Amino acid sequence: MRGSGSRPYVLKNVGGVYSCTCPAWRNQSLAIERRTCKHLRKLRGDAAEEARVGSALPATPRAATSDVQAPPLLLAESWDGVTDPIGWWLSEKLDGVRAYWDGKQFLSRLGNLYHAPDWFVAGLPNVPLDGELWLGRKQFQRAVSIVRRQDKNDLWKEIRFLVFDAPAVDKEFEQRFRFVQDCMKKQGLAYATLHPHALCKGIEHLQEELARVEALGGEGLMLRQPNSRYAVGRSLTLLKVKRFQDAEARVLGHEGGKGRHKGRLGALLVEMANGIRFAVGTGFSDAEREQPPAVGTLITFRYQELSDGGVPRFPSYVGIRKDVQPSPTAKKEEATMPAPSATGKRRFEFSEGNSNKFWEIAVNGTEVNVQFGRIGTPGQSNAKSFPDQAAAAMHADKLIQEKTGKGYVEVKS
């Protein structure tokens, strides 16, 4: 629809949630299903929009309410490929919608209400449960469109609440798991079930199970530390596992360690055959840090995935390629390296409930500039300098990964 801008605005209806790309719609501090604008009113009519959002007046931005509180959830860290998984509890990583049952209702990670029908929640215990509203593998977008609706419609019959923890039970995981198991058996719930876990037998078992789940279209795996308590916030007692792949790179230089590694290797500066350069800082034993692979040596490393710029994420040292000689042309004095191509400014946005935020990042040589805040405001900014361009680029890539992991979506300027 043509508006005041140079480009027309795009109006959408996704699962009953209407949206518009105009600034008036995007800058509202309302849940996305409660927003409207003059373009939506023109398209659907005032009466239809009034019935949908409950107001005959054009929606205007308002301050976020203070009564919405995020539930006390345990959040996962990423498995580094080094931590021994033997004895940890293994389960499939679900590509659904994280949901906290507080004993009366479902809440999102940010504390927003999911309007589940009464028949869906019938029989659920009056104690907190942590789980996922799940439709099936590769069905995330449809699951989101269903659970964010406010009309408590019959589409919820496609959803299942897979429960994997009981946050309020102040006991070790195994006891919490049995508590959930007993709840599911006693109630005979129609739409809720226990999410299965199995003991991991080691790296090979982990890799086999990961391959099996991925072949079925699954997202990955979760590792839960045995005998662990439910800790609010990010914790190393819960790890998410995605595909790790092996690759090779040649050592260009050594980066000194810090803290307990001061005086020995901190990271290897390496280059792959395609010219991508980065640092490998994990997977080394103390002996390997004392006597690291020489410049020019070809090493094997393990990584999870490639960034948009082709840089391996979570690279971990595996070992030296014994059957390959060090490159005779390698320069031993080379200890720094140029960064990958400049990233330019990139913008990411997050909208859920009353939270509508933006985050921008730009790499300028050895400096990383970040700007963030509420959409529609100038926000705040900060800058951080690094010893070389490679370190700056890698820091930027790490920040982007963290933001996208929290639900931020990149938007084109």
Protein backbone atom coordinates (compact mmCIF):
# COMPACT_ATOMS: atom_id res chain seq x y z
CA MET A 1 0.00 0.00 0.00
CA ARG A 2 1.32 3.46 -0.92
CA GLY A 3 2.23 5.62 2.07
CA SER A 4 4.21 8.76 2.79
CA GLY A 5 7.54 7.05 2.13
CA SER A 6 9.24 6.48 -1.22
CA ARG A 7 8.45 2.76 -1.09
CA PRO A 8 5.02 1.18 -0.60
CA TYR A 9 4.30 -0.48 2.74
CA VAL A 10 3.76 -4.24 2.93
CA LEU A 11 0.79 -5.56 4.91
CA LYS A 12 0.70 -9.20 6.01
CA ASN A 13 -1.56 -11.66 7.81
CA VAL A 14 0.45 -14.51 9.34
CA GLY A 15 -1.65 -16.89 11.41
CA GLY A 16 -4.15 -14.17 12.27
CA VAL A 17 -1.48 -11.64 13.27
CA TYR A 18 -1.61 -8.56 11.04
CA SER A 19 1.44 -6.40 10.43
CA CYS A 20 2.59 -3.44 8.37
CA THR A 21 6.10 -2.25 7.50
CA CYS A 22 5.27 1.41 8.20
CA PRO A 23 7.10 3.16 11.09
CA ALA A 24 3.82 3.77 12.95
CA TRP A 25 3.21 0.01 13.24
CA ARG A 26 6.83 -0.96 13.92
CA ASN A 27 7.47 1.64 16.64
CA GLN A 28 4.58 0.71 18.92
CA SER A 29 5.36 -0.71 22.36
CA LEU A 30 2.53 -3.21 22.12
CA ALA A 31 2.34 -6.92 21.52
CA ILE A 32 2.43 -7.46 17.76
CA GLU A 33 -1.09 -8.93 17.73
CA ARG A 34 -2.40 -5.73 19.39
CA ARG A 35 -0.93 -3.22 16.92
CA THR A 36 -2.75 -1.39 14.18
CA CYS A 37 -2.13 1.58 11.88
CA LYS A 38 -3.96 3.72 9.35
CA HIS A 39 -2.93 1.38 6.53
CA LEU A 40 -4.45 -1.68 8.22
CA ARG A 41 -7.57 0.34 8.99
CA LYS A 42 -7.82 1.42 5.38
CA LEU A 43 -7.43 -2.17 4.19
CA ARG A 44 -9.70 -3.92 6.71
CA GLY A 45 -11.99 -1.13 7.86
CA ASP A 46 -12.26 0.58 11.25
CA ALA A 47 -14.88 -1.83 12.58
CA ALA A 48 -12.78 -4.93 11.85
CA GLU A 49 -9.68 -3.40 13.41
CA GLU A 50 -11.63 -2.21 16.45
CA ALA A 51 -12.92 -5.75 16.96
CA ARG A 52 -9.42 -7.16 16.54
CA VAL A 53 -7.43 -4.84 18.82
CA GLY A 54 -10.21 -3.58 21.06
CA SER A 55 -9.88 0.13 20.36
CA ALA A 56 -11.59 2.55 17.99
CA LEU A 57 -8.64 4.94 18.15
CA PRO A 58 -5.42 4.71 16.15
CA ALA A 59 -2.83 2.84 18.16
CA THR A 60 -0.08 5.04 19.59
CA PRO A 61 3.18 4.10 21.28
CA ARG A 62 3.03 3.68 25.02
CA ALA A 63 5.51 2.93 27.73
CA ALA A 64 6.11 -0.71 28.52
CA THR A 65 4.10 -1.94 31.48
CA SER A 66 5.99 -3.00 34.53
CA ASP A 67 3.70 -5.90 35.45
CA VAL A 68 5.09 -8.19 32.73
CA GLN A 69 7.92 -10.25 34.19
CA ALA A 70 9.98 -12.91 32.51
CA PRO A 71 9.63 -16.35 34.09
CA PRO A 72 12.68 -17.81 35.90
CA LEU A 73 13.99 -20.05 33.12
CA LEU A 74 17.15 -22.11 32.81
CA LEU A 75 18.88 -21.20 29.53
CA ALA A 76 21.44 -23.25 27.64
CA GLU A 77 25.01 -22.55 26.62
CA SER A 78 26.54 -24.05 23.47
CA TRP A 79 28.56 -27.26 23.73
CA ASP A 80 32.20 -26.51 22.95
CA GLY A 81 32.98 -29.89 21.42
CA VAL A 82 35.47 -30.55 24.22
CA THR A 83 33.38 -31.20 27.35
CA ASP A 84 33.06 -34.97 27.86
CA PRO A 85 29.34 -35.86 27.49
CA ILE A 86 29.58 -39.31 29.11
CA GLY A 87 26.85 -39.66 31.72
CA TRP A 88 25.01 -36.50 30.69
CA TRP A 89 21.31 -36.66 29.87
CA LEU A 90 20.66 -36.50 26.14
CA SER A 91 17.47 -35.26 24.45
CA GLU A 92 16.39 -33.81 21.11
CA LYS A 93 16.53 -30.03 20.79
CA LEU A 94 12.99 -29.06 19.86
CA ASP A 95 12.31 -26.40 17.23
CA GLY A 96 9.15 -25.21 18.94
CA VAL A 97 8.16 -22.35 21.24
CA ARG A 98 9.62 -22.31 24.75
CA ALA A 99 6.78 -22.12 27.26
CA TYR A 100 6.65 -21.82 31.05
CA TRP A 101 3.53 -23.20 32.71
CA ASP A 102 3.22 -21.26 35.97
CA GLY A 103 0.44 -23.48 37.30
CA LYS A 104 -2.35 -21.44 35.69
CA GLN A 105 -1.20 -20.23 32.29
CA PHE A 106 1.54 -20.43 29.63
CA LEU A 107 4.13 -17.65 29.53
CA SER A 108 6.79 -16.88 26.93
CA ARG A 109 10.47 -16.36 27.78
CA LEU A 110 9.70 -12.64 28.15
CA GLY A 111 6.62 -13.15 30.29
CA ASN A 112 3.94 -12.68 27.64
CA LEU A 113 0.80 -14.78 27.82
CA TYR A 114 0.03 -17.60 25.37
CA HIS A 115 -3.77 -17.89 25.11
CA ALA A 116 -4.20 -21.66 25.18
CA PRO A 117 -7.78 -23.04 25.12
CA ASP A 118 -9.19 -24.41 28.38
CA TRP A 119 -9.38 -27.91 26.92
CA PHE A 120 -5.66 -27.76 26.05
CA VAL A 121 -4.54 -26.99 29.63
CA ALA A 122 -7.10 -29.27 31.29
CA GLY A 123 -5.39 -31.51 33.84
CA LEU A 124 -2.05 -29.68 33.94
CA PRO A 125 -0.79 -29.52 37.55
CA ASN A 126 -0.84 -26.28 39.52
CA VAL A 127 2.96 -26.28 39.74
CA PRO A 128 5.46 -24.70 37.31
CA LEU A 129 6.57 -26.81 34.35
CA ASP A 130 9.22 -25.96 31.76
CA GLY A 131 8.75 -27.21 28.23
CA GLU A 132 8.08 -26.51 24.59
CA LEU A 133 4.89 -25.92 22.62
CA TRP A 134 5.74 -28.13 19.67
CA LEU A 135 4.08 -28.92 16.37
CA GLY A 136 6.74 -31.07 14.71
CA ARG A 137 10.15 -30.92 13.10
CA LYS A 138 10.57 -28.02 10.66
CA GLN A 139 7.22 -26.60 11.79
CA PHE A 140 8.49 -23.71 13.93
CA GLN A 141 6.85 -20.87 12.00
CA ARG A 142 3.44 -22.50 12.02
CA ALA A 143 3.76 -23.29 15.73
CA VAL A 144 4.52 -19.62 16.42
CA SER A 145 1.56 -18.46 14.36
CA ILE A 146 -0.79 -20.72 16.34
CA VAL A 147 0.38 -20.04 19.90
CA ARG A 148 0.51 -16.27 19.42
CA ARG A 149 -3.15 -16.04 18.41
CA GLN A 150 -5.53 -14.70 21.04
CA ASP A 151 -8.75 -16.41 19.98
CA LYS A 152 -8.06 -19.81 21.62
CA ASN A 153 -8.96 -21.55 18.39
CA ASP A 154 -9.01 -25.22 17.44
CA LEU A 155 -5.62 -24.99 15.72
CA TRP A 156 -4.17 -25.69 19.17
CA LYS A 157 -5.17 -29.31 18.58
CA GLU A 158 -2.04 -29.57 16.41
CA ILE A 159 0.21 -28.46 19.30
CA ARG A 160 1.74 -30.61 22.04
CA PHE A 161 3.29 -29.39 25.28
CA LEU A 162 6.50 -31.41 25.69
CA VAL A 163 7.68 -31.06 29.29
CA PHE A 164 11.33 -31.46 30.24
CA ASP A 165 11.65 -29.92 33.72
CA ALA A 166 9.93 -28.79 36.91
CA PRO A 167 11.62 -25.51 37.98
CA ALA A 168 9.97 -25.23 41.41
CA VAL A 169 11.09 -28.69 42.56
CA ASP A 170 14.26 -27.88 44.48
CA LYS A 171 16.00 -31.18 43.78
CA GLU A 172 18.50 -32.68 41.37
CA PHE A 173 17.47 -33.16 37.73
CA GLU A 174 16.80 -36.88 38.03
CA GLN A 175 14.28 -36.26 40.83
CA ARG A 176 12.67 -33.39 38.94
CA PHE A 177 12.36 -35.61 35.88
CA ARG A 178 10.64 -38.34 37.91
CA PHE A 179 8.29 -35.72 39.34
CA VAL A 180 7.26 -34.67 35.81
CA GLN A 181 6.92 -38.34 34.83
CA ASP A 182 4.54 -38.98 37.74
CA CYS A 183 2.49 -35.88 36.87
CA MET A 184 2.03 -37.04 33.30
CA LYS A 185 0.97 -40.55 34.37
CA LYS A 186 -1.50 -39.45 37.05
CA GLN A 187 -3.31 -36.87 34.99
CA GLY A 188 -3.53 -38.76 31.67
CA LEU A 189 -3.10 -35.51 29.77
CA ALA A 190 -4.32 -35.27 26.19
CA TYR A 191 -1.97 -32.54 24.96
CA ALA A 192 1.03 -32.74 27.29
CA THR A 193 3.71 -35.40 27.50
CA LEU A 194 7.16 -35.98 28.94
CA HIS A 195 10.07 -35.21 26.63
CA PRO A 196 12.30 -38.34 26.63
CA HIS A 197 15.92 -38.29 27.83
CA ALA A 198 18.67 -40.93 27.63
CA LEU A 199 22.12 -41.24 29.17
CA CYS A 200 24.92 -40.33 26.77
CA LYS A 201 27.57 -43.02 26.37
CA GLY A 202 30.25 -40.77 24.87
CA ILE A 203 31.25 -38.72 21.85
CA GLU A 204 30.44 -41.47 19.34
CA HIS A 205 26.98 -41.96 20.84
CA LEU A 206 26.41 -38.20 20.76
CA GLN A 207 27.44 -37.96 17.11
CA GLU A 208 25.31 -40.96 16.10
CA GLU A 209 22.24 -39.54 17.84
CA LEU A 210 22.86 -36.09 16.33
CA ALA A 211 23.09 -37.62 12.85
CA ARG A 212 19.86 -39.57 13.44
CA VAL A 213 17.94 -36.51 14.63
CA GLU A 214 19.24 -34.32 11.81
CA ALA A 215 18.30 -36.97 9.24
CA LEU A 216 14.73 -36.76 10.56
CA GLY A 217 14.75 -32.97 10.17
CA GLY A 218 15.52 -32.19 13.80
CA GLU A 219 17.44 -29.13 14.96
CA GLY A 220 20.02 -30.74 17.23
CA LEU A 221 20.46 -32.13 20.74
CA MET A 222 20.50 -30.96 24.36
CA LEU A 223 22.87 -32.16 27.07
CA ARG A 224 21.83 -31.93 30.73
CA GLN A 225 24.44 -32.35 33.46
CA PRO A 226 23.59 -35.21 35.83
CA ASN A 227 22.61 -34.30 39.40
CA SER A 228 22.32 -30.61 38.42
CA ARG A 229 19.93 -28.12 40.02
CA TYR A 230 17.61 -25.81 38.13
CA ALA A 231 19.58 -22.56 37.80
CA VAL A 232 17.89 -19.43 36.48
CA GLY A 233 19.74 -17.83 33.55
CA ARG A 234 22.41 -19.23 31.25
CA SER A 235 24.18 -22.22 32.75
CA LEU A 236 26.82 -24.72 31.69
CA THR A 237 24.65 -27.45 33.22
CA LEU A 238 22.52 -27.29 30.05
CA LEU A 239 24.21 -27.39 26.64
CA LYS A 240 22.80 -27.21 23.13
CA VAL A 241 24.50 -29.38 20.53
CA LYS A 242 24.45 -28.85 16.78
CA ARG A 243 26.46 -30.45 14.00
CA PHE A 244 30.22 -30.26 14.38
CA GLN A 245 32.33 -30.82 11.31
CA ASP A 246 36.03 -31.44 10.87
CA ALA A 247 38.24 -29.33 8.61
CA GLU A 248 41.89 -28.39 8.16
CA ALA A 249 43.80 -25.14 8.41
CA ARG A 250 47.43 -24.05 8.34
CA VAL A 251 48.98 -22.29 11.33
CA LEU A 252 49.98 -18.69 10.61
CA GLY A 253 50.94 -17.58 14.08
CA HIS A 254 50.52 -17.86 17.83
CA GLU A 255 48.50 -15.60 20.10
CA GLY A 256 49.67 -15.30 23.71
CA GLY A 257 47.43 -16.53 26.49
CA LYS A 258 45.89 -14.59 29.34
CA GLY A 259 44.92 -15.48 32.88
CA ARG A 260 46.00 -19.01 33.74
CA HIS A 261 47.38 -19.41 30.21
CA LYS A 262 49.67 -16.37 30.49
CA GLY A 263 53.13 -17.21 29.17
CA ARG A 264 51.91 -19.95 26.86
CA LEU A 265 49.55 -20.39 23.89
CA GLY A 266 46.23 -18.63 23.99
CA ALA A 267 45.09 -19.33 20.42
CA LEU A 268 46.38 -20.44 17.04
CA LEU A 269 45.96 -17.99 14.17
CA VAL A 270 45.11 -20.16 11.16
CA GLU A 271 44.04 -20.04 7.52
CA MET A 272 41.90 -22.48 5.56
CA ALA A 273 42.57 -23.39 1.94
CA ASN A 274 39.91 -20.90 0.78
CA GLY A 275 41.76 -18.01 2.44
CA ILE A 276 39.43 -17.59 5.44
CA ARG A 277 41.46 -16.69 8.53
CA PHE A 278 40.44 -16.98 12.18
CA ALA A 279 41.66 -18.09 15.62
CA VAL A 280 41.37 -21.49 17.33
CA GLY A 281 41.51 -21.09 21.11
CA THR A 282 39.95 -24.24 22.61
CA GLY A 283 40.63 -27.98 22.59
CA PHE A 284 44.29 -27.77 23.70
CA SER A 285 45.82 -29.70 26.56
CA ASP A 286 48.23 -27.89 28.90
CA ALA A 287 51.12 -29.70 27.22
CA GLU A 288 49.95 -28.53 23.77
CA ARG A 289 49.73 -24.96 25.03
CA GLU A 290 53.31 -25.24 26.28
CA GLN A 291 54.52 -26.61 22.92
CA PRO A 292 51.97 -25.54 20.28
CA PRO A 293 52.03 -26.61 16.62
CA ALA A 294 54.70 -24.74 14.67
CA VAL A 295 53.90 -22.03 12.14
CA GLY A 296 53.20 -23.72 8.81
CA THR A 297 51.79 -26.87 10.41
CA LEU A 298 48.52 -28.23 9.05
CA ILE A 299 46.02 -28.90 11.84
CA THR A 300 42.60 -30.51 12.07
CA PHE A 301 39.91 -28.58 13.92
CA ARG A 302 36.25 -29.15 14.65
CA TYR A 303 33.54 -26.51 14.22
CA GLN A 304 29.78 -26.24 14.48
CA GLU A 305 28.77 -24.17 11.44
CA LEU A 306 29.93 -21.34 9.18
CA SER A 307 28.99 -17.72 9.72
CA ASP A 308 27.56 -15.66 6.86
CA GLY A 309 31.15 -14.61 6.11
CA GLY A 310 32.34 -18.23 5.93
CA VAL A 311 34.17 -18.17 9.28
CA PRO A 312 33.87 -21.41 11.32
CA ARG A 313 31.94 -20.98 14.57
CA PHE A 314 33.14 -22.61 17.80
CA PRO A 315 36.38 -23.93 16.28
CA SER A 316 38.11 -26.46 18.53
CA TYR A 317 41.59 -27.95 18.06
CA VAL A 318 41.71 -31.69 17.31
CA GLY A 319 45.34 -32.37 16.39
CA ILE A 320 48.22 -32.07 13.91
CA ARG A 321 48.03 -33.68 10.49
CA LYS A 322 50.98 -36.02 10.96
CA ASP A 323 51.17 -36.99 7.28
CA VAL A 324 51.77 -33.41 6.07
CA GLN A 325 55.01 -31.45 6.40
CA PRO A 326 55.02 -27.81 7.57
CA SER A 327 54.95 -25.31 4.73
CA PRO A 328 58.53 -24.22 3.90
CA THR A 329 57.29 -20.77 2.91
CA ALA A 330 55.61 -20.03 6.24
CA LYS A 331 56.93 -16.97 8.06
CA LYS A 332 57.58 -17.78 11.69
CA GLU A 333 57.38 -14.15 12.73
CA GLU A 334 53.81 -13.82 11.48
CA ALA A 335 51.65 -13.57 14.60
CA THR A 336 48.77 -11.46 13.39
CA MET A 337 46.56 -11.66 10.36
CA PRO A 338 44.22 -9.47 8.37
CA ALA A 339 40.53 -9.70 9.05
CA PRO A 340 38.00 -11.18 6.71
CA SER A 341 36.28 -8.70 4.43
CA ALA A 342 34.62 -5.80 6.21
CA THR A 343 31.16 -6.56 7.50
CA GLY A 344 29.69 -3.04 7.06
CA LYS A 345 26.79 -1.95 9.21
CA ARG A 346 24.21 -4.64 9.97
CA ARG A 347 20.90 -4.11 11.76
CA PHE A 348 18.92 -6.62 13.79
CA GLU A 349 15.50 -6.23 15.40
CA PHE A 350 13.56 -8.07 18.10
CA SER A 351 9.81 -7.73 18.70
CA GLU A 352 7.81 -9.70 21.24
CA GLY A 353 5.12 -8.44 23.56
CA ASN A 354 6.10 -4.99 24.81
CA SER A 355 9.70 -5.44 23.74
CA ASN A 356 10.61 -3.82 20.40
CA LYS A 357 14.36 -3.36 20.16
CA PHE A 358 17.03 -2.81 17.54
CA TRP A 359 20.73 -3.65 17.56
CA GLU A 360 23.29 -2.48 14.97
CA ILE A 361 26.93 -3.43 14.56
CA ALA A 362 29.71 -2.17 12.30
CA VAL A 363 33.38 -3.13 12.03
CA ASN A 364 35.73 -0.31 11.12
CA GLY A 365 39.27 -1.66 10.95
CA THR A 366 40.19 -2.68 14.50
CA GLU A 367 37.12 -1.06 16.09
CA VAL A 368 33.69 -2.59 16.63
CA ASN A 369 30.82 -0.10 16.99
CA VAL A 370 27.48 -1.17 18.46
CA GLN A 371 24.25 0.83 18.68
CA PHE A 372 21.13 -0.46 20.44
CA GLY A 373 17.84 0.59 21.98
CA ARG A 374 14.09 0.75 21.50
CA ILE A 375 12.91 0.92 17.89
CA GLY A 376 12.10 4.50 17.00
CA THR A 377 14.71 6.03 19.32
CA PRO A 378 18.38 6.92 18.68
CA GLY A 379 19.38 4.37 21.32
CA GLN A 380 22.79 4.05 22.93
CA SER A 381 26.14 3.27 21.39
CA ASN A 382 29.53 1.96 22.41
CA ALA A 383 32.78 1.10 20.72
CA LYS A 384 35.53 -1.39 21.48
CA SER A 385 39.03 -1.54 20.00
CA PHE A 386 41.07 -4.68 19.31
CA PRO A 387 44.75 -5.33 18.63
CA ASP A 388 44.10 -6.34 15.01
CA GLN A 389 41.34 -6.54 12.40
CA ALA A 390 40.96 -10.31 12.75
CA ALA A 391 40.16 -10.03 16.46
CA ALA A 392 37.64 -7.26 15.74
CA ALA A 393 35.89 -9.30 13.03
CA MET A 394 35.74 -12.40 15.21
CA HIS A 395 34.32 -10.40 18.13
CA ALA A 396 31.63 -8.97 15.85
CA ASP A 397 30.73 -12.44 14.58
CA LYS A 398 30.40 -13.69 18.15
CA LEU A 399 28.10 -10.81 19.11
CA ILE A 400 25.91 -11.40 16.04
CA GLN A 401 25.61 -15.07 16.90
CA GLU A 402 24.58 -14.20 20.47
CA LYS A 403 21.91 -11.77 19.28
CA THR A 404 20.41 -14.09 16.66
CA GLY A 405 20.38 -16.83 19.30
CA LYS A 406 18.18 -14.58 21.44
CA GLY A 407 15.67 -14.08 18.65
CA TYR A 408 16.96 -10.98 16.87
CA VAL A 409 16.30 -11.00 13.12
CA GLU A 410 18.47 -9.16 10.60
CA VAL A 411 16.70 -6.48 8.59
CA LYS A 412 17.94 -4.84 5.43
CA SER A 413 18.37 -1.08 5.60
